[in-house]
């Protein structure tokens, strides 16, 4: 991406102009990642929505449960690919590579999760997530039974659906904003 390409179609506030709580959150991410992901800067355009999104993100992605952190990222990558969201595939693909300690997994899932080197349980999880992302109105008892057959609890099924739904929102905002992935994402976990 050329240096003069904006990271968003919408205004991106300067860090110094952001509310203190947003600056603190961004500083923590910068310390951990070594850079500031563009999504944080773009979402800071609307501080109340930034806070709400991040609260729900943290509640879903950091909670204990039957899904590993890598599996949660698999859901984000697969459904973001189905939604054609460049930013989320690049950013969460990087996080997935790091969490799974696997340089190939994110690319495989983004291109065709059905052929990815994942377990049958993970494939069932992604089958359900893709159905939630593309045809949620068709979800029925058989879908729940299939997941239960792979050992997923009702809480796990809720998590799969909620992660898919949250990132459908994120995918759409990122696409409308033409949010550009940071160059750093492409080399992470490789």
N, C-alpha and C. Protein backbone atom coordinates (compact mmCIF):
# COMPACT_ATOMS: atom_id res chain seq x y z
N UNK A 1 0.85 -1.17 0.00
CA UNK A 1 0.00 0.00 0.00
C UNK A 1 0.89 1.24 0.00
N UNK A 2 0.67 2.14 -0.93
CA UNK A 2 1.46 3.37 -0.93
C UNK A 2 1.29 4.14 0.38
N UNK A 3 2.33 4.84 0.78
CA UNK A 3 2.33 5.55 2.06
C UNK A 3 1.21 6.59 2.16
N UNK A 4 0.77 7.14 1.03
CA UNK A 4 -0.26 8.18 1.08
C UNK A 4 -1.69 7.63 0.99
N UNK A 5 -1.85 6.30 0.94
CA UNK A 5 -3.19 5.70 0.91
C UNK A 5 -3.80 5.80 2.30
N UNK A 6 -4.97 6.41 2.41
CA UNK A 6 -5.59 6.52 3.74
C UNK A 6 -6.01 5.14 4.25
N UNK A 7 -6.03 4.99 5.57
CA UNK A 7 -6.41 3.70 6.14
C UNK A 7 -7.92 3.52 6.19
N UNK A 8 -8.67 4.60 5.99
CA UNK A 8 -10.13 4.54 6.05
C UNK A 8 -10.73 5.67 5.21
N UNK A 9 -11.93 5.43 4.71
CA UNK A 9 -12.65 6.49 4.01
C UNK A 9 -13.21 7.53 4.98
N UNK A 10 -13.26 7.18 6.24
CA UNK A 10 -13.81 8.06 7.27
C UNK A 10 -12.67 8.74 8.02
N UNK A 11 -12.96 9.83 8.72
CA UNK A 11 -11.91 10.52 9.46
C UNK A 11 -11.24 9.59 10.48
N UNK A 12 -9.94 9.71 10.59
CA UNK A 12 -9.17 8.95 11.58
C UNK A 12 -8.57 9.98 12.53
N UNK A 13 -9.03 9.97 13.79
CA UNK A 13 -8.53 10.97 14.73
C UNK A 13 -7.06 10.73 15.10
N UNK A 14 -6.40 11.79 15.48
CA UNK A 14 -5.04 11.67 16.02
C UNK A 14 -5.13 11.06 17.41
N UNK A 15 -4.14 10.28 17.76
CA UNK A 15 -4.11 9.68 19.09
C UNK A 15 -4.28 10.74 20.18
N UNK A 16 -3.63 11.86 20.02
CA UNK A 16 -3.67 12.90 21.05
C UNK A 16 -5.06 13.51 21.21
N UNK A 17 -5.92 13.35 20.21
CA UNK A 17 -7.27 13.91 20.28
C UNK A 17 -8.31 12.91 20.80
N UNK A 18 -7.89 11.68 21.05
CA UNK A 18 -8.82 10.64 21.49
C UNK A 18 -9.04 10.71 23.00
N UNK A 19 -10.20 10.22 23.46
CA UNK A 19 -10.41 10.12 24.91
C UNK A 19 -9.33 9.24 25.55
N UNK A 20 -9.03 9.53 26.79
CA UNK A 20 -7.94 8.84 27.50
C UNK A 20 -8.13 7.32 27.51
N UNK A 21 -9.35 6.83 27.73
CA UNK A 21 -9.54 5.38 27.80
C UNK A 21 -9.23 4.71 26.47
N UNK A 22 -9.52 5.37 25.35
CA UNK A 22 -9.18 4.82 24.05
C UNK A 22 -7.68 4.82 23.83
N UNK A 23 -7.03 5.91 24.22
CA UNK A 23 -5.57 5.98 24.10
C UNK A 23 -4.91 4.88 24.93
N UNK A 24 -5.43 4.64 26.13
CA UNK A 24 -4.86 3.60 26.99
C UNK A 24 -5.03 2.22 26.36
N UNK A 25 -6.20 1.95 25.80
CA UNK A 25 -6.45 0.65 25.15
C UNK A 25 -5.51 0.47 23.97
N UNK A 26 -5.37 1.52 23.17
CA UNK A 26 -4.50 1.46 22.00
C UNK A 26 -3.04 1.28 22.42
N UNK A 27 -2.63 1.94 23.50
CA UNK A 27 -1.25 1.80 23.98
C UNK A 27 -0.96 0.36 24.41
N UNK A 28 -1.92 -0.30 25.03
CA UNK A 28 -1.74 -1.71 25.43
C UNK A 28 -1.55 -2.60 24.21
N UNK A 29 -2.36 -2.37 23.19
CA UNK A 29 -2.25 -3.17 21.97
C UNK A 29 -0.92 -2.89 21.27
N UNK A 30 -0.54 -1.63 21.22
CA UNK A 30 0.73 -1.27 20.59
C UNK A 30 1.91 -1.92 21.32
N UNK A 31 1.85 -1.93 22.63
CA UNK A 31 2.92 -2.54 23.41
C UNK A 31 3.02 -4.04 23.12
N UNK A 32 1.89 -4.70 23.01
CA UNK A 32 1.88 -6.15 22.79
C UNK A 32 2.25 -6.49 21.34
N UNK A 33 1.67 -5.76 20.37
CA UNK A 33 1.86 -6.09 18.96
C UNK A 33 3.09 -5.42 18.34
N UNK A 34 3.50 -4.29 18.91
CA UNK A 34 4.61 -3.55 18.33
C UNK A 34 4.16 -2.50 17.32
N UNK A 35 2.86 -2.40 17.08
CA UNK A 35 2.29 -1.41 16.18
C UNK A 35 0.82 -1.21 16.55
N UNK A 36 0.21 -0.18 16.00
CA UNK A 36 -1.20 0.09 16.26
C UNK A 36 -2.02 -0.42 15.08
N UNK A 37 -2.82 -1.47 15.29
CA UNK A 37 -3.67 -1.94 14.19
C UNK A 37 -4.61 -0.82 13.72
N UNK A 38 -4.74 -0.69 12.42
CA UNK A 38 -5.55 0.37 11.85
C UNK A 38 -7.00 0.35 12.31
N UNK A 39 -7.52 -0.81 12.65
CA UNK A 39 -8.92 -0.87 13.09
C UNK A 39 -9.13 -0.03 14.34
N UNK A 40 -8.17 -0.01 15.23
CA UNK A 40 -8.31 0.79 16.45
C UNK A 40 -8.39 2.27 16.13
N UNK A 41 -7.56 2.71 15.20
CA UNK A 41 -7.57 4.11 14.81
C UNK A 41 -8.87 4.47 14.10
N UNK A 42 -9.34 3.59 13.23
CA UNK A 42 -10.56 3.87 12.48
C UNK A 42 -11.79 3.85 13.39
N UNK A 43 -11.88 2.90 14.29
CA UNK A 43 -13.04 2.83 15.19
C UNK A 43 -13.07 3.99 16.17
N UNK A 44 -11.92 4.57 16.47
CA UNK A 44 -11.86 5.69 17.41
C UNK A 44 -12.58 6.93 16.87
N UNK A 45 -12.92 6.91 15.61
CA UNK A 45 -13.72 7.96 14.99
C UNK A 45 -15.05 8.13 15.75
N UNK A 46 -15.57 7.04 16.33
CA UNK A 46 -16.82 7.06 17.08
C UNK A 46 -16.57 6.37 18.42
N UNK A 47 -16.09 7.11 19.43
CA UNK A 47 -15.63 6.52 20.69
C UNK A 47 -16.64 5.60 21.38
N UNK A 48 -17.90 5.97 21.42
CA UNK A 48 -18.89 5.11 22.10
C UNK A 48 -19.02 3.77 21.40
N UNK A 49 -18.99 3.77 20.09
CA UNK A 49 -19.08 2.52 19.34
C UNK A 49 -17.79 1.70 19.49
N UNK A 50 -16.65 2.38 19.54
CA UNK A 50 -15.37 1.71 19.80
C UNK A 50 -15.47 0.93 21.11
N UNK A 51 -15.92 1.62 22.16
CA UNK A 51 -16.02 0.98 23.48
C UNK A 51 -16.98 -0.21 23.45
N UNK A 52 -18.13 -0.03 22.83
CA UNK A 52 -19.13 -1.11 22.78
C UNK A 52 -18.61 -2.30 21.99
N UNK A 53 -18.01 -2.04 20.84
CA UNK A 53 -17.48 -3.11 20.02
C UNK A 53 -16.40 -3.88 20.77
N UNK A 54 -15.47 -3.15 21.38
CA UNK A 54 -14.37 -3.81 22.08
C UNK A 54 -14.85 -4.58 23.30
N UNK A 55 -15.87 -4.08 23.98
CA UNK A 55 -16.41 -4.81 25.13
C UNK A 55 -17.01 -6.14 24.68
N UNK A 56 -17.77 -6.12 23.58
CA UNK A 56 -18.36 -7.37 23.09
C UNK A 56 -17.27 -8.28 22.52
N UNK A 57 -16.32 -7.71 21.81
CA UNK A 57 -15.19 -8.47 21.30
C UNK A 57 -14.49 -9.22 22.44
N UNK A 58 -14.16 -8.49 23.50
CA UNK A 58 -13.44 -9.11 24.62
C UNK A 58 -14.28 -10.18 25.30
N UNK A 59 -15.59 -9.91 25.44
CA UNK A 59 -16.48 -10.88 26.08
C UNK A 59 -16.53 -12.19 25.30
N UNK A 60 -16.45 -12.12 23.98
CA UNK A 60 -16.51 -13.32 23.15
C UNK A 60 -15.15 -13.97 22.93
N UNK A 61 -14.16 -13.17 22.66
CA UNK A 61 -12.87 -13.72 22.23
C UNK A 61 -11.96 -14.11 23.39
N UNK A 62 -12.20 -13.54 24.57
CA UNK A 62 -11.32 -13.81 25.71
C UNK A 62 -11.96 -14.67 26.80
N UNK A 63 -13.21 -15.07 26.61
CA UNK A 63 -13.90 -15.81 27.67
C UNK A 63 -13.43 -17.26 27.70
N UNK A 64 -13.46 -17.87 28.87
CA UNK A 64 -13.16 -19.29 28.93
C UNK A 64 -14.32 -20.07 28.30
N UNK A 65 -14.04 -21.27 27.88
CA UNK A 65 -15.10 -22.08 27.29
C UNK A 65 -14.51 -23.23 26.50
N UNK A 66 -15.36 -23.85 25.71
CA UNK A 66 -14.96 -25.04 24.97
C UNK A 66 -14.21 -24.76 23.68
N UNK A 67 -14.10 -23.49 23.28
CA UNK A 67 -13.36 -23.12 22.08
C UNK A 67 -12.01 -22.55 22.48
N UNK A 68 -10.97 -23.00 21.81
CA UNK A 68 -9.66 -22.41 22.06
C UNK A 68 -9.60 -21.02 21.42
N UNK A 69 -8.60 -20.25 21.81
CA UNK A 69 -8.43 -18.93 21.19
C UNK A 69 -8.13 -19.08 19.70
N UNK A 70 -7.38 -20.11 19.33
CA UNK A 70 -7.11 -20.35 17.91
C UNK A 70 -8.40 -20.70 17.17
N UNK A 71 -9.26 -21.51 17.76
CA UNK A 71 -10.53 -21.85 17.11
C UNK A 71 -11.42 -20.63 16.93
N UNK A 72 -11.41 -19.75 17.90
CA UNK A 72 -12.18 -18.50 17.77
C UNK A 72 -11.67 -17.69 16.58
N UNK A 73 -10.35 -17.66 16.41
CA UNK A 73 -9.77 -16.94 15.27
C UNK A 73 -10.08 -17.66 13.95
N UNK A 74 -10.15 -18.99 13.97
CA UNK A 74 -10.55 -19.73 12.77
C UNK A 74 -11.92 -19.28 12.30
N UNK A 75 -12.84 -19.11 13.24
CA UNK A 75 -14.19 -18.65 12.90
C UNK A 75 -14.12 -17.29 12.24
N UNK A 76 -13.34 -16.38 12.81
CA UNK A 76 -13.23 -15.03 12.26
C UNK A 76 -12.65 -15.08 10.84
N UNK A 77 -11.60 -15.85 10.65
CA UNK A 77 -10.96 -15.91 9.34
C UNK A 77 -11.89 -16.52 8.30
N UNK A 78 -12.52 -17.65 8.61
CA UNK A 78 -13.40 -18.32 7.64
C UNK A 78 -14.59 -17.44 7.27
N UNK A 79 -15.24 -16.85 8.26
CA UNK A 79 -16.42 -16.05 7.96
C UNK A 79 -16.05 -14.71 7.33
N UNK A 80 -14.93 -14.15 7.70
CA UNK A 80 -14.47 -12.91 7.07
C UNK A 80 -14.11 -13.16 5.61
N UNK A 81 -13.56 -14.33 5.31
CA UNK A 81 -13.29 -14.69 3.91
C UNK A 81 -14.61 -14.83 3.15
N UNK A 82 -15.60 -15.45 3.77
CA UNK A 82 -16.91 -15.60 3.12
C UNK A 82 -17.55 -14.23 2.87
N UNK A 83 -17.23 -13.26 3.72
CA UNK A 83 -17.76 -11.90 3.58
C UNK A 83 -16.83 -10.99 2.78
N UNK A 84 -15.75 -11.56 2.21
CA UNK A 84 -14.80 -10.79 1.40
C UNK A 84 -14.21 -9.60 2.14
N UNK A 85 -13.88 -9.76 3.40
CA UNK A 85 -13.32 -8.66 4.19
C UNK A 85 -11.80 -8.79 4.26
N UNK A 86 -11.13 -8.01 3.44
CA UNK A 86 -9.67 -8.03 3.39
C UNK A 86 -9.05 -7.75 4.75
N UNK A 87 -9.52 -6.68 5.42
CA UNK A 87 -8.90 -6.30 6.69
C UNK A 87 -8.96 -7.45 7.69
N UNK A 88 -10.13 -8.00 7.90
CA UNK A 88 -10.29 -9.02 8.94
C UNK A 88 -9.56 -10.32 8.60
N UNK A 89 -9.54 -10.69 7.32
CA UNK A 89 -8.78 -11.88 6.94
C UNK A 89 -7.30 -11.67 7.21
N UNK A 90 -6.77 -10.51 6.83
CA UNK A 90 -5.34 -10.25 7.05
C UNK A 90 -5.01 -10.15 8.54
N UNK A 91 -5.80 -9.38 9.28
CA UNK A 91 -5.50 -9.16 10.70
C UNK A 91 -5.71 -10.42 11.53
N UNK A 92 -6.85 -11.05 11.36
CA UNK A 92 -7.14 -12.24 12.18
C UNK A 92 -6.42 -13.47 11.65
N UNK A 93 -6.06 -13.45 10.38
CA UNK A 93 -5.19 -14.51 9.87
C UNK A 93 -3.85 -14.47 10.59
N UNK A 94 -3.33 -13.27 10.80
CA UNK A 94 -2.06 -13.13 11.53
C UNK A 94 -2.20 -13.63 12.96
N UNK A 95 -3.30 -13.25 13.61
CA UNK A 95 -3.52 -13.69 15.00
C UNK A 95 -3.67 -15.21 15.04
N UNK A 96 -4.39 -15.77 14.07
CA UNK A 96 -4.56 -17.23 14.01
C UNK A 96 -3.22 -17.93 13.85
N UNK A 97 -2.37 -17.45 12.94
CA UNK A 97 -1.06 -18.09 12.77
C UNK A 97 -0.27 -18.09 14.07
N UNK A 98 -0.33 -16.98 14.79
CA UNK A 98 0.40 -16.88 16.06
C UNK A 98 -0.21 -17.83 17.09
N UNK A 99 -1.54 -17.80 17.24
CA UNK A 99 -2.18 -18.61 18.28
C UNK A 99 -2.10 -20.11 17.98
N UNK A 100 -2.19 -20.48 16.70
CA UNK A 100 -2.12 -21.90 16.33
C UNK A 100 -0.68 -22.37 16.17
N UNK A 101 0.26 -21.43 16.17
CA UNK A 101 1.67 -21.75 15.92
C UNK A 101 1.81 -22.55 14.62
N UNK A 102 1.13 -22.04 13.59
CA UNK A 102 1.07 -22.72 12.29
C UNK A 102 1.06 -21.66 11.20
N UNK A 103 2.11 -21.62 10.39
CA UNK A 103 2.25 -20.60 9.36
C UNK A 103 1.28 -20.78 8.20
N UNK A 104 0.71 -21.98 8.03
CA UNK A 104 -0.14 -22.25 6.87
C UNK A 104 -1.64 -22.15 7.16
N UNK A 105 -2.04 -22.32 8.40
CA UNK A 105 -3.45 -22.52 8.72
C UNK A 105 -4.36 -21.38 8.28
N UNK A 106 -3.96 -20.15 8.47
CA UNK A 106 -4.84 -19.02 8.13
C UNK A 106 -5.10 -18.95 6.63
N UNK A 107 -4.06 -19.16 5.83
CA UNK A 107 -4.25 -19.13 4.38
C UNK A 107 -5.17 -20.26 3.95
N UNK A 108 -4.98 -21.44 4.51
CA UNK A 108 -5.83 -22.57 4.16
C UNK A 108 -7.29 -22.29 4.50
N UNK A 109 -7.53 -21.77 5.68
CA UNK A 109 -8.91 -21.50 6.10
C UNK A 109 -9.52 -20.37 5.28
N UNK A 110 -8.76 -19.35 4.98
CA UNK A 110 -9.30 -18.23 4.20
C UNK A 110 -9.64 -18.64 2.78
N UNK A 111 -8.86 -19.53 2.21
CA UNK A 111 -9.08 -19.93 0.82
C UNK A 111 -10.14 -21.02 0.71
N UNK A 112 -10.02 -22.07 1.54
CA UNK A 112 -10.99 -23.17 1.49
C UNK A 112 -10.85 -24.00 2.76
N UNK A 113 -11.59 -23.61 3.79
CA UNK A 113 -11.46 -24.30 5.07
C UNK A 113 -11.78 -25.78 4.97
N UNK A 114 -12.60 -26.19 3.99
CA UNK A 114 -12.97 -27.60 3.84
C UNK A 114 -11.76 -28.47 3.48
N UNK A 115 -10.72 -27.86 2.95
CA UNK A 115 -9.50 -28.60 2.60
C UNK A 115 -8.34 -28.27 3.53
N UNK A 116 -8.60 -27.46 4.55
CA UNK A 116 -7.55 -27.07 5.48
C UNK A 116 -7.14 -28.24 6.37
N UNK A 117 -5.94 -28.15 6.89
CA UNK A 117 -5.40 -29.17 7.80
C UNK A 117 -5.94 -28.90 9.21
N UNK A 118 -7.23 -29.22 9.40
CA UNK A 118 -7.90 -29.03 10.68
C UNK A 118 -8.62 -30.33 11.05
N UNK A 119 -9.07 -30.41 12.28
CA UNK A 119 -9.75 -31.61 12.75
C UNK A 119 -11.20 -31.66 12.23
N UNK A 120 -11.80 -32.85 12.21
CA UNK A 120 -13.23 -32.92 11.85
C UNK A 120 -14.10 -32.05 12.76
N UNK A 121 -13.75 -31.95 14.02
CA UNK A 121 -14.49 -31.10 14.96
C UNK A 121 -14.42 -29.64 14.51
N UNK A 122 -13.22 -29.18 14.17
CA UNK A 122 -13.05 -27.80 13.72
C UNK A 122 -13.77 -27.56 12.40
N UNK A 123 -13.78 -28.56 11.52
CA UNK A 123 -14.49 -28.42 10.24
C UNK A 123 -15.99 -28.27 10.50
N UNK A 124 -16.53 -29.06 11.43
CA UNK A 124 -17.95 -28.94 11.78
C UNK A 124 -18.25 -27.55 12.35
N UNK A 125 -17.34 -27.05 13.17
CA UNK A 125 -17.48 -25.71 13.75
C UNK A 125 -17.54 -24.66 12.63
N UNK A 126 -16.64 -24.78 11.66
CA UNK A 126 -16.60 -23.81 10.57
C UNK A 126 -17.77 -23.98 9.61
N UNK A 127 -18.24 -25.22 9.41
CA UNK A 127 -19.45 -25.43 8.60
C UNK A 127 -20.60 -24.64 9.21
N UNK A 128 -20.74 -24.74 10.52
CA UNK A 128 -21.82 -24.03 11.21
C UNK A 128 -21.62 -22.52 11.13
N UNK A 129 -20.41 -22.06 11.37
CA UNK A 129 -20.13 -20.62 11.32
C UNK A 129 -20.44 -20.05 9.94
N UNK A 130 -20.05 -20.76 8.89
CA UNK A 130 -20.33 -20.29 7.53
C UNK A 130 -21.83 -20.26 7.28
N UNK A 131 -22.54 -21.24 7.80
CA UNK A 131 -24.00 -21.24 7.64
C UNK A 131 -24.62 -20.06 8.40
N UNK A 132 -24.11 -19.77 9.57
CA UNK A 132 -24.59 -18.59 10.31
C UNK A 132 -24.30 -17.33 9.50
N UNK A 133 -23.12 -17.25 8.90
CA UNK A 133 -22.72 -16.05 8.15
C UNK A 133 -23.52 -15.87 6.86
N UNK A 134 -23.92 -16.97 6.23
CA UNK A 134 -24.52 -16.86 4.90
C UNK A 134 -25.99 -17.25 4.83
N UNK A 135 -26.48 -18.01 5.80
CA UNK A 135 -27.87 -18.49 5.74
C UNK A 135 -28.40 -18.80 7.14
N UNK A 136 -28.22 -17.87 8.05
CA UNK A 136 -28.60 -18.10 9.46
C UNK A 136 -30.06 -18.50 9.61
N UNK A 137 -30.92 -18.01 8.74
CA UNK A 137 -32.33 -18.32 8.85
C UNK A 137 -32.63 -19.80 8.61
N UNK A 138 -31.66 -20.55 8.09
CA UNK A 138 -31.87 -21.98 7.84
C UNK A 138 -31.33 -22.87 8.95
N UNK A 139 -30.74 -22.28 9.97
CA UNK A 139 -30.21 -23.08 11.09
C UNK A 139 -31.36 -23.81 11.76
N UNK A 140 -31.16 -25.11 12.02
CA UNK A 140 -32.22 -25.89 12.65
C UNK A 140 -31.63 -26.87 13.67
N UNK A 141 -32.48 -27.71 14.20
CA UNK A 141 -32.07 -28.65 15.25
C UNK A 141 -30.97 -29.59 14.76
N UNK A 142 -30.98 -29.93 13.48
CA UNK A 142 -29.95 -30.82 12.95
C UNK A 142 -28.56 -30.18 13.01
N UNK A 143 -28.52 -28.88 12.80
CA UNK A 143 -27.23 -28.18 12.91
C UNK A 143 -26.70 -28.24 14.33
N UNK A 144 -27.60 -28.02 15.29
CA UNK A 144 -27.20 -28.10 16.70
C UNK A 144 -26.78 -29.52 17.06
N UNK A 145 -27.52 -30.51 16.58
CA UNK A 145 -27.19 -31.91 16.87
C UNK A 145 -25.84 -32.30 16.28
N UNK A 146 -25.55 -31.81 15.08
CA UNK A 146 -24.25 -32.12 14.46
C UNK A 146 -23.11 -31.59 15.31
N UNK A 147 -23.27 -30.37 15.82
CA UNK A 147 -22.22 -29.80 16.68
C UNK A 147 -22.12 -30.55 18.00
N UNK A 148 -23.26 -30.89 18.58
CA UNK A 148 -23.25 -31.67 19.83
C UNK A 148 -22.54 -33.00 19.62
N UNK A 149 -22.71 -33.58 18.45
CA UNK A 149 -22.04 -34.84 18.12
C UNK A 149 -20.53 -34.72 18.09
N UNK A 150 -20.04 -33.52 17.94
CA UNK A 150 -18.59 -33.26 17.96
C UNK A 150 -18.14 -32.74 19.32
N UNK A 151 -19.04 -32.77 20.30
CA UNK A 151 -18.67 -32.38 21.65
C UNK A 151 -18.86 -30.91 21.99
N UNK A 152 -19.51 -30.16 21.13
CA UNK A 152 -19.76 -28.76 21.42
C UNK A 152 -20.95 -28.63 22.36
N UNK A 153 -20.80 -27.82 23.39
CA UNK A 153 -21.89 -27.54 24.32
C UNK A 153 -22.80 -26.45 23.76
N UNK A 154 -23.92 -26.21 24.42
CA UNK A 154 -24.80 -25.12 24.00
C UNK A 154 -24.07 -23.77 24.09
N UNK A 155 -23.25 -23.60 25.12
CA UNK A 155 -22.47 -22.36 25.23
C UNK A 155 -21.48 -22.22 24.07
N UNK A 156 -20.87 -23.33 23.67
CA UNK A 156 -19.95 -23.29 22.53
C UNK A 156 -20.68 -22.89 21.25
N UNK A 157 -21.87 -23.46 21.05
CA UNK A 157 -22.66 -23.15 19.86
C UNK A 157 -23.03 -21.67 19.85
N UNK A 158 -23.42 -21.16 21.01
CA UNK A 158 -23.71 -19.72 21.12
C UNK A 158 -22.47 -18.90 20.75
N UNK A 159 -21.31 -19.32 21.29
CA UNK A 159 -20.08 -18.59 21.00
C UNK A 159 -19.77 -18.58 19.50
N UNK A 160 -19.91 -19.72 18.84
CA UNK A 160 -19.65 -19.78 17.40
C UNK A 160 -20.56 -18.79 16.67
N UNK A 161 -21.84 -18.81 17.02
CA UNK A 161 -22.80 -17.91 16.36
C UNK A 161 -22.51 -16.45 16.69
N UNK A 162 -22.22 -16.15 17.94
CA UNK A 162 -21.99 -14.76 18.35
C UNK A 162 -20.71 -14.20 17.75
N UNK A 163 -19.65 -15.00 17.69
CA UNK A 163 -18.41 -14.55 17.06
C UNK A 163 -18.67 -14.27 15.58
N UNK A 164 -19.38 -15.17 14.93
CA UNK A 164 -19.71 -14.97 13.52
C UNK A 164 -20.51 -13.68 13.33
N UNK A 165 -21.49 -13.46 14.19
CA UNK A 165 -22.34 -12.27 14.07
C UNK A 165 -21.57 -10.99 14.33
N UNK A 166 -20.75 -10.97 15.37
CA UNK A 166 -19.96 -9.77 15.67
C UNK A 166 -19.04 -9.43 14.50
N UNK A 167 -18.40 -10.44 13.94
CA UNK A 167 -17.48 -10.15 12.86
C UNK A 167 -18.18 -9.89 11.54
N UNK A 168 -19.44 -10.28 11.40
CA UNK A 168 -20.21 -9.85 10.24
C UNK A 168 -20.38 -8.33 10.30
N UNK A 169 -20.65 -7.81 11.49
CA UNK A 169 -20.72 -6.36 11.68
C UNK A 169 -19.36 -5.74 11.34
N UNK A 170 -18.32 -6.28 11.91
CA UNK A 170 -16.97 -5.76 11.69
C UNK A 170 -16.60 -5.81 10.21
N UNK A 171 -16.90 -6.93 9.55
CA UNK A 171 -16.59 -7.08 8.12
C UNK A 171 -17.27 -6.00 7.30
N UNK A 172 -18.51 -5.71 7.62
CA UNK A 172 -19.25 -4.74 6.83
C UNK A 172 -18.74 -3.32 7.06
N UNK A 173 -18.45 -2.99 8.30
CA UNK A 173 -17.90 -1.65 8.58
C UNK A 173 -16.52 -1.51 7.93
N UNK A 174 -15.69 -2.54 8.06
CA UNK A 174 -14.35 -2.48 7.45
C UNK A 174 -14.44 -2.33 5.94
N UNK A 175 -15.38 -3.02 5.33
CA UNK A 175 -15.53 -2.93 3.87
C UNK A 175 -16.06 -1.55 3.45
N UNK A 176 -17.06 -1.05 4.14
CA UNK A 176 -17.60 0.27 3.82
C UNK A 176 -16.54 1.35 4.01
N UNK A 177 -15.73 1.19 5.05
CA UNK A 177 -14.67 2.17 5.34
C UNK A 177 -13.43 1.97 4.46
N UNK A 178 -13.39 0.87 3.70
CA UNK A 178 -12.19 0.52 2.94
C UNK A 178 -10.98 0.49 3.86
N UNK A 179 -11.18 -0.13 5.02
CA UNK A 179 -10.13 -0.21 6.04
C UNK A 179 -8.95 -1.01 5.51
N UNK A 180 -7.78 -0.44 5.57
CA UNK A 180 -6.57 -1.06 5.03
C UNK A 180 -5.82 -1.81 6.11
N UNK A 181 -5.45 -3.06 5.85
CA UNK A 181 -4.66 -3.82 6.83
C UNK A 181 -3.27 -3.22 6.98
N UNK A 182 -2.75 -3.26 8.18
CA UNK A 182 -1.36 -2.86 8.43
C UNK A 182 -0.44 -3.85 7.71
N UNK A 183 0.65 -3.36 7.16
CA UNK A 183 1.63 -4.21 6.49
C UNK A 183 2.18 -5.27 7.45
N UNK A 184 2.26 -4.93 8.73
CA UNK A 184 2.85 -5.85 9.72
C UNK A 184 2.08 -7.17 9.81
N UNK A 185 0.79 -7.16 9.54
CA UNK A 185 -0.01 -8.38 9.66
C UNK A 185 0.48 -9.48 8.75
N UNK A 186 0.95 -9.11 7.56
CA UNK A 186 1.27 -10.11 6.55
C UNK A 186 2.45 -11.01 6.91
N UNK A 187 3.33 -10.54 7.74
CA UNK A 187 4.49 -11.34 8.11
C UNK A 187 4.37 -12.03 9.46
N UNK A 188 3.34 -11.70 10.21
CA UNK A 188 3.21 -12.27 11.57
C UNK A 188 2.95 -13.78 11.51
N UNK A 189 3.65 -14.50 12.37
CA UNK A 189 3.43 -15.94 12.51
C UNK A 189 3.90 -16.78 11.34
N UNK A 190 4.75 -16.22 10.52
CA UNK A 190 5.24 -16.97 9.35
C UNK A 190 6.63 -17.50 9.60
